[in-house]
Amino acid sequence: MAETSKAKARREAEGFYEEYIIGKSVIDVGVGRLDTHDGADPICSHAEMHDKDICDATTMEAYADESFDTVYASHILEHLTDPITAIQNWIRICKPGGHIIISIPDRDLYERKKELPSKWNADHKYFYLMDESYPPHTFSFKSVVMTALCKNNMVKFQKIDLVTNKDKPEEHANGEFSLEAIIKKL
């Protein structure tokens, strides 16, 4: 199951869709492959779905400034070599008063190892923990997000730990294993 789908029940219970998705112009940056639908897992049916064939997720050069109410980036940041520039561009394409929602795998819940390469996804460029950094493999999600912010935006961070097979590091983590930031663009 793709990561956005795993979070659906939790997000419905939290009122996530009413607050950030319904009636909003949305772009889903980490939706998956559009040409083959391999792994495609959109946040909603009306989202503009970004694919790397449209443009680079770091630069987002195909999109005008302040184009979307919600920029949703699920499990894409860990694939990018310049996460700070990516977040800055996601903020750039978000309208004032809109939200940038970033979800990434927590290293210790998903990977259960400290050094690259990832045992589950060879394309991961970095691992993330909420607060700690252990370069060159692991960085603080909070530090990366806060460094990317150009203005005094409002940010809410949360760790979602709904993994039930933590005692089996040889297995791919099940459930949700994410770090999430919700940035309100002022």
N, C-alpha and C. Protein backbone atom coordinates (compact mmCIF):
# COMPACT_ATOMS: atom_id res chain seq x y z
N MET A 1 0.85 -1.18 0.00
CA MET A 1 0.00 0.00 0.00
C MET A 1 0.90 1.24 0.00
N ALA A 2 0.53 2.24 -0.73
CA ALA A 2 1.30 3.47 -0.81
C ALA A 2 1.10 4.31 0.45
N GLU A 3 2.02 5.21 0.70
CA GLU A 3 2.04 5.95 1.96
C GLU A 3 0.85 6.88 2.17
N THR A 4 0.37 7.54 1.13
CA THR A 4 -0.79 8.42 1.28
C THR A 4 -2.02 7.61 1.69
N SER A 5 -2.21 6.46 1.08
CA SER A 5 -3.36 5.61 1.43
C SER A 5 -3.27 5.12 2.86
N LYS A 6 -2.07 4.80 3.32
CA LYS A 6 -1.90 4.34 4.70
C LYS A 6 -2.38 5.39 5.70
N ALA A 7 -2.24 6.66 5.36
CA ALA A 7 -2.57 7.75 6.28
C ALA A 7 -4.03 8.19 6.18
N LYS A 8 -4.78 7.66 5.23
CA LYS A 8 -6.12 8.17 4.95
C LYS A 8 -7.06 8.11 6.16
N ALA A 9 -7.17 6.99 6.83
CA ALA A 9 -8.10 6.87 7.96
C ALA A 9 -7.72 7.82 9.08
N ARG A 10 -6.44 7.91 9.39
CA ARG A 10 -5.98 8.83 10.44
C ARG A 10 -6.31 10.26 10.05
N ARG A 11 -6.04 10.61 8.82
CA ARG A 11 -6.27 11.98 8.37
C ARG A 11 -7.78 12.31 8.34
N GLU A 12 -8.59 11.37 7.94
CA GLU A 12 -10.04 11.61 7.97
C GLU A 12 -10.50 11.90 9.39
N ALA A 13 -10.01 11.12 10.35
CA ALA A 13 -10.39 11.31 11.75
C ALA A 13 -9.91 12.65 12.29
N GLU A 14 -8.80 13.16 11.79
CA GLU A 14 -8.23 14.43 12.24
C GLU A 14 -8.84 15.65 11.54
N GLY A 15 -9.68 15.45 10.52
CA GLY A 15 -10.24 16.56 9.77
C GLY A 15 -9.27 17.16 8.76
N PHE A 16 -8.25 16.41 8.42
CA PHE A 16 -7.20 16.84 7.49
C PHE A 16 -7.77 17.27 6.13
N TYR A 17 -8.64 16.45 5.57
CA TYR A 17 -9.17 16.73 4.23
C TYR A 17 -10.00 18.00 4.22
N GLU A 18 -10.83 18.21 5.23
CA GLU A 18 -11.63 19.43 5.30
C GLU A 18 -10.74 20.66 5.41
N GLU A 19 -9.67 20.56 6.17
CA GLU A 19 -8.81 21.72 6.39
C GLU A 19 -7.88 22.02 5.22
N TYR A 20 -7.33 20.98 4.58
CA TYR A 20 -6.26 21.20 3.61
C TYR A 20 -6.58 20.81 2.16
N ILE A 21 -7.64 20.02 1.92
CA ILE A 21 -7.84 19.44 0.59
C ILE A 21 -9.15 19.85 -0.06
N ILE A 22 -10.26 19.65 0.61
CA ILE A 22 -11.58 19.89 0.01
C ILE A 22 -11.75 21.37 -0.32
N GLY A 23 -12.11 21.65 -1.58
CA GLY A 23 -12.31 23.01 -2.04
C GLY A 23 -11.03 23.80 -2.26
N LYS A 24 -9.90 23.13 -2.25
CA LYS A 24 -8.59 23.79 -2.41
C LYS A 24 -7.97 23.38 -3.74
N SER A 25 -7.14 24.27 -4.28
CA SER A 25 -6.31 23.89 -5.42
C SER A 25 -5.08 23.19 -4.83
N VAL A 26 -4.86 21.95 -5.27
CA VAL A 26 -3.85 21.09 -4.65
C VAL A 26 -2.89 20.57 -5.72
N ILE A 27 -1.61 20.53 -5.37
CA ILE A 27 -0.63 19.81 -6.18
C ILE A 27 -0.04 18.71 -5.32
N ASP A 28 0.05 17.52 -5.89
CA ASP A 28 0.63 16.36 -5.21
C ASP A 28 2.01 16.12 -5.84
N VAL A 29 3.05 16.55 -5.14
CA VAL A 29 4.41 16.49 -5.67
C VAL A 29 4.95 15.06 -5.67
N GLY A 30 4.61 14.27 -4.69
CA GLY A 30 5.16 12.92 -4.58
C GLY A 30 4.19 11.82 -4.96
N VAL A 31 3.34 12.07 -5.92
CA VAL A 31 2.24 11.16 -6.26
C VAL A 31 2.69 9.82 -6.81
N GLY A 32 3.84 9.76 -7.44
CA GLY A 32 4.29 8.52 -8.09
C GLY A 32 4.28 8.69 -9.60
N ARG A 33 4.55 7.62 -10.31
CA ARG A 33 4.65 7.67 -11.78
C ARG A 33 3.28 7.82 -12.42
N LEU A 34 3.14 8.86 -13.25
CA LEU A 34 1.87 9.09 -13.93
C LEU A 34 1.75 8.29 -15.21
N ASP A 35 2.88 8.05 -15.89
CA ASP A 35 2.81 7.34 -17.17
C ASP A 35 2.44 5.87 -16.99
N THR A 36 2.95 5.25 -15.95
CA THR A 36 2.69 3.83 -15.72
C THR A 36 1.74 3.58 -14.54
N HIS A 37 1.47 4.64 -13.79
CA HIS A 37 0.69 4.56 -12.54
C HIS A 37 1.36 3.64 -11.52
N ASP A 38 2.65 3.40 -11.72
CA ASP A 38 3.42 2.58 -10.79
C ASP A 38 3.59 3.34 -9.48
N GLY A 39 2.91 2.92 -8.47
CA GLY A 39 3.00 3.56 -7.17
C GLY A 39 2.18 4.83 -7.04
N ALA A 40 1.44 5.22 -8.08
CA ALA A 40 0.65 6.45 -8.00
C ALA A 40 -0.38 6.34 -6.88
N ASP A 41 -0.36 7.31 -5.99
CA ASP A 41 -1.21 7.30 -4.80
C ASP A 41 -1.60 8.74 -4.47
N PRO A 42 -2.49 9.34 -5.26
CA PRO A 42 -2.81 10.76 -5.07
C PRO A 42 -3.56 11.05 -3.78
N ILE A 43 -3.34 12.25 -3.27
CA ILE A 43 -4.02 12.69 -2.05
C ILE A 43 -5.51 12.88 -2.28
N CYS A 44 -5.89 13.24 -3.51
CA CYS A 44 -7.31 13.41 -3.83
C CYS A 44 -7.46 13.36 -5.35
N SER A 45 -8.68 13.20 -5.81
CA SER A 45 -8.92 13.08 -7.25
C SER A 45 -8.74 14.39 -8.01
N HIS A 46 -8.88 15.53 -7.33
CA HIS A 46 -8.78 16.81 -8.04
C HIS A 46 -7.38 17.44 -7.98
N ALA A 47 -6.42 16.77 -7.37
CA ALA A 47 -5.07 17.32 -7.28
C ALA A 47 -4.38 17.31 -8.63
N GLU A 48 -3.60 18.35 -8.89
CA GLU A 48 -2.69 18.33 -10.03
C GLU A 48 -1.55 17.39 -9.62
N MET A 49 -1.30 16.41 -10.44
CA MET A 49 -0.30 15.41 -10.08
C MET A 49 1.02 15.71 -10.76
N HIS A 50 2.02 15.99 -9.93
CA HIS A 50 3.35 16.29 -10.43
C HIS A 50 4.11 14.98 -10.66
N ASP A 51 4.84 14.92 -11.74
CA ASP A 51 5.68 13.77 -12.06
C ASP A 51 7.03 14.32 -12.48
N LYS A 52 8.08 13.58 -12.24
CA LYS A 52 9.42 14.07 -12.58
C LYS A 52 9.59 14.34 -14.07
N ASP A 53 8.72 13.79 -14.91
CA ASP A 53 8.79 14.10 -16.34
C ASP A 53 8.23 15.49 -16.65
N ILE A 54 7.46 16.07 -15.75
CA ILE A 54 6.94 17.43 -15.92
C ILE A 54 8.06 18.43 -15.64
N CYS A 55 8.71 18.26 -14.49
CA CYS A 55 9.86 19.08 -14.12
C CYS A 55 10.46 18.49 -12.85
N ASP A 56 11.60 19.00 -12.49
CA ASP A 56 12.29 18.53 -11.29
C ASP A 56 11.52 18.95 -10.04
N ALA A 57 11.33 18.04 -9.10
CA ALA A 57 10.60 18.35 -7.87
C ALA A 57 11.35 19.34 -6.99
N THR A 58 12.63 19.52 -7.23
CA THR A 58 13.40 20.49 -6.47
C THR A 58 13.14 21.91 -6.97
N THR A 59 13.12 22.09 -8.27
CA THR A 59 12.98 23.45 -8.83
C THR A 59 11.53 23.83 -9.09
N MET A 60 10.69 22.87 -9.43
CA MET A 60 9.28 23.11 -9.74
C MET A 60 9.13 24.23 -10.77
N GLU A 61 10.05 24.28 -11.73
CA GLU A 61 10.10 25.38 -12.70
C GLU A 61 8.88 25.44 -13.61
N ALA A 62 8.12 24.39 -13.72
CA ALA A 62 6.93 24.40 -14.59
C ALA A 62 5.74 25.11 -13.94
N TYR A 63 5.88 25.49 -12.66
CA TYR A 63 4.76 26.07 -11.92
C TYR A 63 5.02 27.51 -11.53
N ALA A 64 4.02 28.36 -11.72
CA ALA A 64 4.12 29.78 -11.37
C ALA A 64 4.07 29.97 -9.85
N ASP A 65 4.61 31.07 -9.42
CA ASP A 65 4.54 31.44 -8.00
C ASP A 65 3.07 31.51 -7.56
N GLU A 66 2.83 31.11 -6.33
CA GLU A 66 1.53 31.24 -5.68
C GLU A 66 0.39 30.64 -6.50
N SER A 67 0.58 29.41 -6.97
CA SER A 67 -0.40 28.73 -7.82
C SER A 67 -1.38 27.84 -7.06
N PHE A 68 -1.02 27.35 -5.87
CA PHE A 68 -1.81 26.32 -5.19
C PHE A 68 -2.11 26.70 -3.75
N ASP A 69 -3.29 26.27 -3.29
CA ASP A 69 -3.65 26.43 -1.88
C ASP A 69 -2.89 25.43 -1.02
N THR A 70 -2.70 24.23 -1.56
CA THR A 70 -2.03 23.17 -0.82
C THR A 70 -0.98 22.51 -1.70
N VAL A 71 0.23 22.43 -1.17
CA VAL A 71 1.31 21.68 -1.81
C VAL A 71 1.55 20.47 -0.93
N TYR A 72 1.26 19.30 -1.47
CA TYR A 72 1.36 18.04 -0.73
C TYR A 72 2.56 17.26 -1.26
N ALA A 73 3.51 16.97 -0.39
CA ALA A 73 4.74 16.28 -0.79
C ALA A 73 4.95 15.08 0.13
N SER A 74 4.45 13.93 -0.30
CA SER A 74 4.54 12.72 0.51
C SER A 74 5.65 11.82 0.01
N HIS A 75 6.57 11.55 0.91
CA HIS A 75 7.66 10.59 0.67
C HIS A 75 8.40 10.88 -0.64
N ILE A 76 8.76 12.16 -0.80
CA ILE A 76 9.55 12.59 -1.95
C ILE A 76 10.85 13.28 -1.49
N LEU A 77 10.83 13.99 -0.37
CA LEU A 77 11.98 14.78 0.07
C LEU A 77 13.23 13.92 0.24
N GLU A 78 13.08 12.71 0.72
CA GLU A 78 14.23 11.82 0.94
C GLU A 78 14.88 11.37 -0.36
N HIS A 79 14.24 11.63 -1.49
CA HIS A 79 14.77 11.27 -2.80
C HIS A 79 15.54 12.43 -3.45
N LEU A 80 15.52 13.59 -2.82
CA LEU A 80 16.09 14.79 -3.43
C LEU A 80 17.44 15.14 -2.83
N THR A 81 18.38 15.55 -3.68
CA THR A 81 19.72 15.89 -3.20
C THR A 81 19.79 17.27 -2.55
N ASP A 82 18.83 18.14 -2.84
CA ASP A 82 18.81 19.49 -2.26
C ASP A 82 17.45 19.75 -1.63
N PRO A 83 17.22 19.18 -0.45
CA PRO A 83 15.89 19.30 0.17
C PRO A 83 15.52 20.73 0.56
N ILE A 84 16.48 21.54 0.92
CA ILE A 84 16.17 22.91 1.32
C ILE A 84 15.64 23.71 0.14
N THR A 85 16.29 23.61 -1.00
CA THR A 85 15.81 24.31 -2.20
C THR A 85 14.44 23.78 -2.61
N ALA A 86 14.24 22.49 -2.49
CA ALA A 86 12.92 21.91 -2.83
C ALA A 86 11.83 22.53 -1.97
N ILE A 87 12.03 22.57 -0.67
CA ILE A 87 11.01 23.14 0.23
C ILE A 87 10.78 24.61 -0.10
N GLN A 88 11.85 25.34 -0.38
CA GLN A 88 11.70 26.75 -0.74
C GLN A 88 10.85 26.90 -2.00
N ASN A 89 11.02 26.03 -2.97
CA ASN A 89 10.20 26.10 -4.18
C ASN A 89 8.78 25.64 -3.95
N TRP A 90 8.57 24.70 -3.05
CA TRP A 90 7.21 24.30 -2.71
C TRP A 90 6.49 25.46 -2.03
N ILE A 91 7.22 26.21 -1.20
CA ILE A 91 6.65 27.40 -0.58
C ILE A 91 6.35 28.45 -1.65
N ARG A 92 7.25 28.60 -2.60
CA ARG A 92 7.09 29.58 -3.68
C ARG A 92 5.80 29.35 -4.46
N ILE A 93 5.46 28.10 -4.74
CA ILE A 93 4.27 27.82 -5.56
C ILE A 93 2.97 27.79 -4.74
N CYS A 94 3.10 27.94 -3.43
CA CYS A 94 1.93 27.95 -2.54
C CYS A 94 1.42 29.39 -2.38
N LYS A 95 0.12 29.54 -2.38
CA LYS A 95 -0.49 30.85 -2.18
C LYS A 95 -0.33 31.30 -0.72
N PRO A 96 -0.27 32.61 -0.48
CA PRO A 96 -0.28 33.09 0.90
C PRO A 96 -1.53 32.58 1.62
N GLY A 97 -1.35 32.13 2.83
CA GLY A 97 -2.44 31.54 3.60
C GLY A 97 -2.62 30.06 3.33
N GLY A 98 -1.91 29.53 2.32
CA GLY A 98 -1.99 28.12 1.99
C GLY A 98 -1.04 27.27 2.84
N HIS A 99 -1.00 26.00 2.53
CA HIS A 99 -0.22 25.05 3.33
C HIS A 99 0.68 24.18 2.47
N ILE A 100 1.84 23.88 3.01
CA ILE A 100 2.76 22.93 2.43
C ILE A 100 2.82 21.77 3.42
N ILE A 101 2.47 20.58 2.95
CA ILE A 101 2.44 19.41 3.82
C ILE A 101 3.52 18.45 3.33
N ILE A 102 4.47 18.17 4.21
CA ILE A 102 5.60 17.31 3.86
C ILE A 102 5.59 16.11 4.79
N SER A 103 5.62 14.93 4.20
CA SER A 103 5.66 13.68 4.95
C SER A 103 6.84 12.86 4.44
N ILE A 104 7.65 12.37 5.36
CA ILE A 104 8.83 11.57 4.99
C ILE A 104 8.97 10.40 5.95
N PRO A 105 9.70 9.35 5.56
CA PRO A 105 9.89 8.23 6.48
C PRO A 105 10.85 8.57 7.61
N ASP A 106 10.49 8.18 8.80
CA ASP A 106 11.38 8.27 9.96
C ASP A 106 12.42 7.16 9.85
N ARG A 107 13.68 7.53 9.95
CA ARG A 107 14.76 6.55 9.77
C ARG A 107 14.61 5.33 10.68
N ASP A 108 14.37 5.56 11.95
CA ASP A 108 14.37 4.44 12.89
C ASP A 108 13.12 3.58 12.82
N LEU A 109 12.04 4.13 12.30
CA LEU A 109 10.82 3.34 12.15
C LEU A 109 10.80 2.60 10.81
N TYR A 110 11.32 3.23 9.77
CA TYR A 110 11.26 2.65 8.43
C TYR A 110 12.52 1.87 8.10
N GLU A 111 13.63 2.53 8.19
CA GLU A 111 14.89 1.96 7.73
C GLU A 111 15.50 0.99 8.74
N ARG A 112 15.47 1.41 10.00
CA ARG A 112 16.02 0.62 11.09
C ARG A 112 17.51 0.33 10.90
N LYS A 113 18.18 1.28 10.28
CA LYS A 113 19.63 1.27 10.15
C LYS A 113 20.11 2.70 10.06
N LYS A 114 21.41 2.92 10.23
CA LYS A 114 21.91 4.28 10.37
C LYS A 114 22.66 4.82 9.16
N GLU A 115 23.03 3.96 8.21
CA GLU A 115 23.82 4.42 7.08
C GLU A 115 23.19 4.00 5.76
N LEU A 116 23.35 4.87 4.78
CA LEU A 116 22.94 4.55 3.42
C LEU A 116 23.86 3.49 2.85
N PRO A 117 23.42 2.71 1.89
CA PRO A 117 22.17 2.85 1.16
C PRO A 117 20.99 2.28 1.93
N SER A 118 19.82 2.74 1.54
CA SER A 118 18.58 2.24 2.11
C SER A 118 18.42 0.78 1.71
N LYS A 119 17.94 -0.02 2.64
CA LYS A 119 17.68 -1.42 2.28
C LYS A 119 16.33 -1.59 1.59
N TRP A 120 15.48 -0.55 1.63
CA TRP A 120 14.15 -0.65 1.04
C TRP A 120 13.98 0.19 -0.21
N ASN A 121 14.82 1.23 -0.40
CA ASN A 121 14.68 2.08 -1.58
C ASN A 121 16.04 2.66 -1.94
N ALA A 122 16.63 2.15 -2.99
CA ALA A 122 17.98 2.55 -3.41
C ALA A 122 18.06 4.01 -3.83
N ASP A 123 16.93 4.66 -4.10
CA ASP A 123 16.93 6.06 -4.53
C ASP A 123 16.95 7.06 -3.37
N HIS A 124 16.86 6.61 -2.13
CA HIS A 124 16.90 7.53 -1.00
C HIS A 124 18.28 8.18 -0.92
N LYS A 125 18.28 9.50 -0.85
CA LYS A 125 19.53 10.27 -0.76
C LYS A 125 19.93 10.53 0.68
N TYR A 126 18.94 10.64 1.57
CA TYR A 126 19.18 10.91 2.99
C TYR A 126 18.15 10.16 3.83
N PHE A 127 18.51 9.97 5.09
CA PHE A 127 17.59 9.51 6.12
C PHE A 127 17.25 10.73 6.97
N TYR A 128 16.10 10.67 7.67
CA TYR A 128 15.70 11.77 8.53
C TYR A 128 15.21 11.26 9.88
N LEU A 129 15.54 12.03 10.91
CA LEU A 129 14.96 11.91 12.24
C LEU A 129 14.34 13.27 12.54
N MET A 130 13.46 13.34 13.51
CA MET A 130 12.80 14.63 13.79
C MET A 130 13.80 15.68 14.24
N ASP A 131 14.65 15.36 15.21
CA ASP A 131 15.52 16.37 15.81
C ASP A 131 17.01 16.15 15.61
N GLU A 132 17.44 14.92 15.50
CA GLU A 132 18.88 14.64 15.46
C GLU A 132 19.43 14.60 14.04
N SER A 133 20.71 15.01 13.93
CA SER A 133 21.44 14.91 12.67
C SER A 133 22.71 14.11 12.90
N TYR A 134 22.99 13.22 11.97
CA TYR A 134 24.21 12.42 11.99
C TYR A 134 24.74 12.37 10.56
N PRO A 135 25.30 13.51 10.09
CA PRO A 135 25.80 13.56 8.71
C PRO A 135 26.86 12.49 8.48
N PRO A 136 26.99 11.97 7.28
CA PRO A 136 26.38 12.46 6.05
C PRO A 136 25.09 11.74 5.67
N HIS A 137 24.61 10.82 6.50
CA HIS A 137 23.46 9.99 6.11
C HIS A 137 22.12 10.47 6.66
N THR A 138 22.12 11.00 7.89
CA THR A 138 20.87 11.34 8.57
C THR A 138 20.85 12.81 8.96
N PHE A 139 19.70 13.45 8.68
CA PHE A 139 19.55 14.87 9.02
C PHE A 139 18.28 15.10 9.82
N SER A 140 18.29 16.17 10.59
CA SER A 140 17.14 16.59 11.37
C SER A 140 16.09 17.18 10.44
N PHE A 141 14.92 16.58 10.42
CA PHE A 141 13.82 17.09 9.61
C PHE A 141 13.46 18.52 10.01
N LYS A 142 13.39 18.77 11.33
CA LYS A 142 13.07 20.12 11.80
C LYS A 142 14.09 21.12 11.31
N SER A 143 15.37 20.79 11.40
CA SER A 143 16.42 21.73 10.96
C SER A 143 16.33 22.02 9.47
N VAL A 144 16.09 20.99 8.67
CA VAL A 144 15.99 21.18 7.22
C VAL A 144 14.80 22.09 6.90
N VAL A 145 13.65 21.82 7.49
CA VAL A 145 12.47 22.64 7.23
C VAL A 145 12.68 24.07 7.71
N MET A 146 13.19 24.24 8.90
CA MET A 146 13.36 25.59 9.45
C MET A 146 14.41 26.38 8.66
N THR A 147 15.43 25.73 8.14
CA THR A 147 16.44 26.39 7.31
C THR A 147 15.81 26.85 5.99
N ALA A 148 14.89 26.09 5.47
CA ALA A 148 14.25 26.41 4.19
C ALA A 148 13.29 27.59 4.29
N LEU A 149 12.74 27.85 5.45
CA LEU A 149 11.74 28.90 5.60
C LEU A 149 12.38 30.27 5.47
N CYS A 150 11.83 31.08 4.57
CA CYS A 150 12.35 32.43 4.32
C CYS A 150 11.68 33.46 5.23
N LYS A 151 10.48 33.19 5.63
CA LYS A 151 9.71 34.12 6.47
C LYS A 151 9.34 33.41 7.76
N ASN A 152 8.70 34.13 8.61
CA ASN A 152 8.26 33.58 9.89
C ASN A 152 6.96 32.82 9.68
N ASN A 153 7.02 31.71 8.95
CA ASN A 153 5.84 30.88 8.69
C ASN A 153 5.51 30.05 9.92
N MET A 154 4.29 29.60 10.00
CA MET A 154 3.88 28.73 11.09
C MET A 154 4.11 27.28 10.67
N VAL A 155 4.70 26.48 11.57
CA VAL A 155 4.99 25.08 11.25
C VAL A 155 4.54 24.21 12.41
N LYS A 156 3.88 23.12 12.06
CA LYS A 156 3.50 22.10 13.04
C LYS A 156 4.19 20.81 12.62
N PHE A 157 4.93 20.21 13.55
CA PHE A 157 5.61 18.94 13.29
C PHE A 157 4.93 17.83 14.08
N GLN A 158 4.91 16.64 13.49
CA GLN A 158 4.46 15.47 14.25
C GLN A 158 5.15 14.21 13.72
N LYS A 159 5.28 13.26 14.62
CA LYS A 159 5.83 11.95 14.27
C LYS A 159 4.66 10.97 14.34
N ILE A 160 4.49 10.20 13.28
CA ILE A 160 3.42 9.20 13.23
C ILE A 160 4.06 7.83 13.32
N ASP A 161 3.81 7.15 14.42
CA ASP A 161 4.39 5.84 14.67
C ASP A 161 3.27 4.83 14.86
N LEU A 162 2.85 4.22 13.74
CA LEU A 162 1.82 3.18 13.78
C LEU A 162 2.37 1.87 13.24
N VAL A 163 3.66 1.66 13.45
CA VAL A 163 4.34 0.43 13.00
C VAL A 163 4.08 -0.67 14.02
N THR A 164 3.66 -1.83 13.53
CA THR A 164 3.37 -2.94 14.45
C THR A 164 4.40 -4.06 14.38
N ASN A 165 5.38 -3.95 13.47
CA ASN A 165 6.38 -5.02 13.38
C ASN A 165 7.79 -4.51 13.71
N LYS A 166 7.90 -3.64 14.71
CA LYS A 166 9.19 -3.07 15.11
C LYS A 166 10.17 -4.13 15.56
N ASP A 167 9.67 -5.23 16.06
CA ASP A 167 10.53 -6.31 16.55
C ASP A 167 11.07 -7.19 15.43
N LYS A 168 10.77 -6.85 14.18
CA LYS A 168 11.21 -7.64 13.03
C LYS A 168 11.94 -6.74 12.03
N PRO A 169 13.19 -6.33 12.36
CA PRO A 169 13.90 -5.39 11.49
C PRO A 169 14.21 -5.93 10.09
N GLU A 170 14.11 -7.23 9.92
CA GLU A 170 14.35 -7.82 8.60
C GLU A 170 13.15 -7.63 7.67
N GLU A 171 12.00 -7.23 8.24
CA GLU A 171 10.80 -6.99 7.45
C GLU A 171 10.64 -5.50 7.16
N HIS A 172 10.03 -5.20 6.01
CA HIS A 172 9.68 -3.81 5.69
C HIS A 172 8.67 -3.34 6.73
N ALA A 173 8.86 -2.13 7.24
CA ALA A 173 7.95 -1.59 8.24
C ALA A 173 6.53 -1.52 7.68
N ASN A 174 5.57 -1.87 8.50
CA ASN A 174 4.17 -1.77 8.08
C ASN A 174 3.54 -0.55 8.75
N GLY A 175 2.34 -0.23 8.40
CA GLY A 175 1.67 0.92 9.00
C GLY A 175 2.33 2.24 8.61
N GLU A 176 2.03 3.28 9.38
CA GLU A 176 2.64 4.59 9.12
C GLU A 176 3.92 4.73 9.92
N PHE A 177 4.92 5.33 9.28
CA PHE A 177 6.24 5.51 9.91
C PHE A 177 6.82 6.85 9.49
N SER A 178 6.03 7.90 9.63
CA SER A 178 6.38 9.17 9.01
C SER A 178 6.68 10.29 10.00
N LEU A 179 7.45 11.23 9.49
CA LEU A 179 7.61 12.54 10.09
C LEU A 179 6.83 13.49 9.20
N GLU A 180 6.10 14.41 9.80
CA GLU A 180 5.25 15.29 9.00
C GLU A 180 5.42 16.73 9.46
N ALA A 181 5.48 17.63 8.49
CA ALA A 181 5.48 19.06 8.76
C ALA A 181 4.34 19.69 7.98
N ILE A 182 3.59 20.54 8.64
CA ILE A 182 2.56 21.31 7.98
C ILE A 182 2.94 22.78 8.15
N ILE A 183 3.27 23.39 7.03
CA ILE A 183 3.73 24.77 7.02
C ILE A 183 2.59 25.65 6.51
N LYS A 184 2.25 26.67 7.26
CA LYS A 184 1.28 27.66 6.77
C LYS A 184 2.06 28.85 6.23
N LYS A 185 1.86 29.14 4.95
CA LYS A 185 2.56 30.25 4.32
C LYS A 185 1.86 31.56 4.70
N LEU A 186 2.60 32.43 5.34
CA LEU A 186 2.03 33.71 5.74
C LEU A 186 2.19 34.76 4.67
